[in-house]
C-alpha atoms as a PDB file:
ATOM      1  CA  MET A   1      67.441  92.575 127.652  1.00  0.00           C
ATOM      2  CA  SER A   2      66.992  92.308 131.399  1.00  0.00           C
ATOM      3  CA  GLN A   3      64.591  94.544 133.285  1.00  0.00           C
ATOM      4  CA  ARG A   4      64.326  95.160 137.013  1.00  0.00           C
ATOM      5  CA  LEU A   5      61.450  93.519 138.838  1.00  0.00           C
ATOM      6  CA  THR A   6      58.907  95.572 140.746  1.00  0.00           C
ATOM      7  CA  ASP A   7      58.310  94.874 144.432  1.00  0.00           C
ATOM      8  CA  ASP A   8      55.011  93.185 143.516  1.00  0.00           C
ATOM      9  CA  GLU A   9      56.751  90.955 140.989  1.00  0.00           C
ATOM     10  CA  LYS A  10      59.419  90.023 143.529  1.00  0.00           C
ATOM     11  CA  MET A  11      56.661  89.147 146.011  1.00  0.00           C
ATOM     12  CA  THR A  12      55.007  86.934 143.395  1.00  0.00           C
ATOM     13  CA  LEU A  13      58.254  84.996 142.926  1.00  0.00           C
ATOM     14  CA  LYS A  14      58.706  84.765 146.674  1.00  0.00           C
ATOM     15  CA  THR A  15      55.093  83.645 147.244  1.00  0.00           C
ATOM     16  CA  GLY A  16      55.558  80.861 144.720  1.00  0.00           C
ATOM     17  CA  ALA A  17      58.898  79.692 146.094  1.00  0.00           C
ATOM     18  CA  PHE A  18      58.093  79.874 149.804  1.00  0.00           C
ATOM     19  CA  GLY A  19      54.612  78.552 149.140  1.00  0.00           C
ATOM     20  CA  ALA A  20      56.002  75.519 147.309  1.00  0.00           C
ATOM     21  CA  VAL A  21      58.018  74.699 150.425  1.00  0.00           C
ATOM     22  CA  LEU A  22      54.892  75.107 152.575  1.00  0.00           C
ATOM     23  CA  MET A  23      52.932  72.794 150.257  1.00  0.00           C
ATOM     24  CA  VAL A  24      55.580  70.067 150.572  1.00  0.00           C
ATOM     25  CA  SER A  25      55.836  70.549 154.324  1.00  0.00           C
ATOM     26  CA  ASN A  26      52.045  70.327 154.693  1.00  0.00           C
ATOM     27  CA  ALA A  27      51.942  67.124 152.625  1.00  0.00           C
ATOM     28  CA  ASP A  28      53.581  65.176 155.463  1.00  0.00           C
ATOM     29  CA  PRO A  29      53.338  67.402 158.550  1.00  0.00           C
ATOM     30  CA  GLY A  30      55.266  66.973 161.751  1.00  0.00           C
ATOM     31  CA  VAL A  31      56.473  69.372 164.418  1.00  0.00           C
ATOM     32  CA  ILE A  32      60.028  68.037 164.566  1.00  0.00           C
ATOM     33  CA  ALA A  33      60.275  67.946 160.790  1.00  0.00           C
ATOM     34  CA  LEU A  34      59.280  71.605 160.470  1.00  0.00           C
ATOM     35  CA  PHE A  35      62.621  72.967 161.689  1.00  0.00           C
ATOM     36  CA  ARG A  36      64.678  70.622 159.523  1.00  0.00           C
ATOM     37  CA  GLU A  37      62.523  71.346 156.495  1.00  0.00           C
ATOM     38  CA  SER A  38      62.753  75.109 156.922  1.00  0.00           C
ATOM     39  CA  PHE A  39      66.527  74.959 157.260  1.00  0.00           C
ATOM     40  CA  ALA A  40      66.863  72.723 154.206  1.00  0.00           C
ATOM     41  CA  ALA A  41      64.678  74.983 152.071  1.00  0.00           C
ATOM     42  CA  SER A  42      66.524  78.138 153.105  1.00  0.00           C
ATOM     43  CA  GLY A  43      69.777  76.587 151.887  1.00  0.00           C
ATOM     44  CA  ALA A  44      68.304  76.025 148.441  1.00  0.00           C
ATOM     45  CA  MET A  45      67.030  79.593 148.242  1.00  0.00           C
ATOM     46  CA  ALA A  46      70.407  80.952 149.296  1.00  0.00           C
ATOM     47  CA  ASP A  47      71.941  79.081 146.340  1.00  0.00           C
ATOM     48  CA  ALA A  48      69.920  81.197 143.890  1.00  0.00           C
ATOM     49  CA  SER A  49      71.608  83.784 141.696  1.00  0.00           C
ATOM     50  CA  GLY A  50      70.787  86.992 139.857  1.00  0.00           C
ATOM     51  CA  VAL A  51      67.321  88.482 139.950  1.00  0.00           C
ATOM     52  CA  VAL A  52      65.918  85.317 141.535  1.00  0.00           C
ATOM     53  CA  LYS A  53      68.265  85.582 144.519  1.00  0.00           C
ATOM     54  CA  GLU A  54      67.412  89.254 144.938  1.00  0.00           C
ATOM     55  CA  ALA A  55      63.677  88.491 144.853  1.00  0.00           C
ATOM     56  CA  LEU A  56      63.854  85.567 147.288  1.00  0.00           C
ATOM     57  CA  THR A  57      66.265  87.022 149.831  1.00  0.00           C
ATOM     58  CA  SER A  58      65.182  90.647 150.143  1.00  0.00           C
ATOM     59  CA  GLY A  59      62.107  92.365 151.467  1.00  0.00           C
ATOM     60  CA  PRO A  60      59.290  90.991 153.599  1.00  0.00           C
ATOM     61  CA  LEU A  61      58.156  87.390 153.658  1.00  0.00           C
ATOM     62  CA  PRO A  62      54.981  86.529 151.771  1.00  0.00           C
ATOM     63  CA  LYS A  63      51.742  86.128 153.678  1.00  0.00           C
ATOM     64  CA  LEU A  64      50.595  82.613 152.885  1.00  0.00           C
ATOM     65  CA  PRO A  65      47.275  81.047 153.891  1.00  0.00           C
ATOM     66  CA  ARG A  66      47.452  78.443 156.630  1.00  0.00           C
ATOM     67  CA  ASP A  67      43.880  77.175 156.796  1.00  0.00           C
ATOM     68  CA  SER A  68      43.955  74.278 154.353  1.00  0.00           C
ATOM     69  CA  ALA A  69      46.164  72.609 151.780  1.00  0.00           C
ATOM     70  CA  LEU A  70      43.673  73.556 149.052  1.00  0.00           C
ATOM     71  CA  GLU A  71      43.764  77.208 150.081  1.00  0.00           C
ATOM     72  CA  VAL A  72      47.576  77.180 150.060  1.00  0.00           C
ATOM     73  CA  GLU A  73      47.611  75.602 146.601  1.00  0.00           C
ATOM     74  CA  SER A  74      45.063  78.117 145.301  1.00  0.00           C
ATOM     75  CA  VAL A  75      47.539  80.907 146.091  1.00  0.00           C
ATOM     76  CA  VAL A  76      50.871  79.177 145.466  1.00  0.00           C
ATOM     77  CA  LEU A  77      50.357  77.422 142.136  1.00  0.00           C
ATOM     78  CA  PRO A  78      49.157  80.591 140.354  1.00  0.00           C
ATOM     79  CA  ALA A  79      52.076  82.517 141.921  1.00  0.00           C
ATOM     80  CA  LEU A  80      54.540  79.929 140.582  1.00  0.00           C
ATOM     81  CA  ARG A  81      52.978  80.132 137.121  1.00  0.00           C
ATOM     82  CA  ARG A  82      53.003  83.940 137.197  1.00  0.00           C
ATOM     83  CA  GLY A  83      56.579  83.985 138.509  1.00  0.00           C
ATOM     84  CA  VAL A  84      57.758  82.029 135.477  1.00  0.00           C
ATOM     85  CA  GLU A  85      55.794  84.398 133.201  1.00  0.00           C
ATOM     86  CA  ILE A  86      57.313  87.486 134.856  1.00  0.00           C
ATOM     87  CA  LEU A  87      60.821  86.135 134.466  1.00  0.00           C
ATOM     88  CA  ALA A  88      60.169  85.030 130.873  1.00  0.00           C
ATOM     89  CA  GLU A  89      59.053  88.585 130.054  1.00  0.00           C
ATOM     90  CA  LYS A  90      61.729  90.514 131.937  1.00  0.00           C
ATOM     91  CA  VAL A  91      64.733  88.264 132.620  1.00  0.00           C
ATOM     92  CA  PRO A  92      64.366  85.145 130.469  1.00  0.00           C
ATOM     93  CA  GLN A  93      67.824  83.835 131.357  1.00  0.00           C
ATOM     94  CA  ASP A  94      66.677  83.501 134.994  1.00  0.00           C
ATOM     95  CA  VAL A  95      63.647  81.278 134.297  1.00  0.00           C
ATOM     96  CA  PRO A  96      65.734  78.076 134.680  1.00  0.00           C
ATOM     97  CA  VAL A  97      67.266  79.493 137.871  1.00  0.00           C
ATOM     98  CA  TYR A  98      63.822  80.034 139.412  1.00  0.00           C
ATOM     99  CA  ARG A  99      62.599  76.595 138.384  1.00  0.00           C
ATOM    100  CA  ALA A 100      65.724  74.924 139.750  1.00  0.00           C
ATOM    101  CA  VAL A 101      65.645  76.826 143.048  1.00  0.00           C
ATOM    102  CA  VAL A 102      61.955  76.124 143.683  1.00  0.00           C
ATOM    103  CA  LEU A 103      62.369  72.425 142.873  1.00  0.00           C
ATOM    104  CA  ALA A 104      65.552  72.135 144.942  1.00  0.00           C
ATOM    105  CA  ALA A 105      63.852  73.800 147.916  1.00  0.00           C
ATOM    106  CA  ALA A 106      60.830  71.503 147.567  1.00  0.00           C
ATOM    107  CA  ASP A 107      63.055  68.434 147.246  1.00  0.00           C
ATOM    108  CA  ARG A 108      65.273  69.399 150.186  1.00  0.00           C
ATOM    109  CA  THR A 109      62.160  70.046 152.266  1.00  0.00           C
ATOM    110  CA  ALA A 110      60.821  66.582 151.460  1.00  0.00           C
ATOM    111  CA  ARG A 111      64.156  64.869 152.167  1.00  0.00           C
ATOM    112  CA  ALA A 112      64.834  66.745 155.408  1.00  0.00           C
ATOM    113  CA  HIS A 113      62.873  64.322 157.581  1.00  0.00           C
ATOM    114  CA  ASP A 114      62.677  60.575 156.909  1.00  0.00           C
ATOM    115  CA  GLY A 115      62.958  60.821 153.114  1.00  0.00           C
ATOM    116  CA  VAL A 116      60.344  61.713 150.531  1.00  0.00           C
ATOM    117  CA  SER A 117      56.872  60.410 151.310  1.00  0.00           C
ATOM    118  CA  PRO A 118      54.405  59.555 148.530  1.00  0.00           C
ATOM    119  CA  ALA A 119      52.330  62.620 149.466  1.00  0.00           C
ATOM    120  CA  GLU A 120      55.393  64.876 149.222  1.00  0.00           C
ATOM    121  CA  ALA A 121      56.389  63.348 145.879  1.00  0.00           C
ATOM    122  CA  GLU A 122      52.893  64.037 144.540  1.00  0.00           C
ATOM    123  CA  VAL A 123      53.072  67.693 145.618  1.00  0.00           C
ATOM    124  CA  ILE A 124      56.521  68.088 144.047  1.00  0.00           C
ATOM    125  CA  GLU A 125      55.171  66.713 140.756  1.00  0.00           C
ATOM    126  CA  ARG A 126      52.303  69.247 140.835  1.00  0.00           C
ATOM    127  CA  ILE A 127      54.846  72.012 141.430  1.00  0.00           C
ATOM    128  CA  ARG A 128      57.045  70.688 138.615  1.00  0.00           C
ATOM    129  CA  GLY A 129      54.028  70.653 136.288  1.00  0.00           C
ATOM    130  CA  VAL A 130      53.180  74.280 137.018  1.00  0.00           C
ATOM    131  CA  LEU A 131      56.789  75.376 136.538  1.00  0.00           C
ATOM    132  CA  GLY A 132      56.735  73.962 133.016  1.00  0.00           C
ATOM    133  CA  ALA A 133      58.231  71.208 130.924  1.00  0.00           C
ATOM    134  CA  ASP A 134      61.771  72.540 131.302  1.00  0.00           C
ATOM    135  CA  ALA A 135      61.524  72.285 135.101  1.00  0.00           C
ATOM    136  CA  THR A 136      63.707  69.187 135.065  1.00  0.00           C
ATOM    137  CA  ASP A 137      66.642  71.171 133.627  1.00  0.00           C
ATOM    138  CA  ARG A 138      68.937  72.224 136.430  1.00  0.00           C
END
């Protein structure tokens, strides 16, 4: 049985998803790449469906730390983990949707400028690990 998500739960999903994109972008920074990466990631999020789409495309943007990669990870990875837990509890059929959207956004971000660097690939694998073993199912 599906349940509606609270605003806080939606923000958790959004913090994880947008934060994953920020982590990948920070792994191989560049001013020119930033625009391409943002555009690529937004396309992946727009492809979401159901509760995940509602959570990622409505309401305010999450406030993510900008000071260091470690600080970003300390907020984003727990949000990703909690996002999967929230969906598993309330809308289990949307867990694969969330995993696929986050990984697609991370991948599109990495590919948006000069292909996937080793640093970006490493970040994507950390994200994949937090999302769970089924994260490769799309």
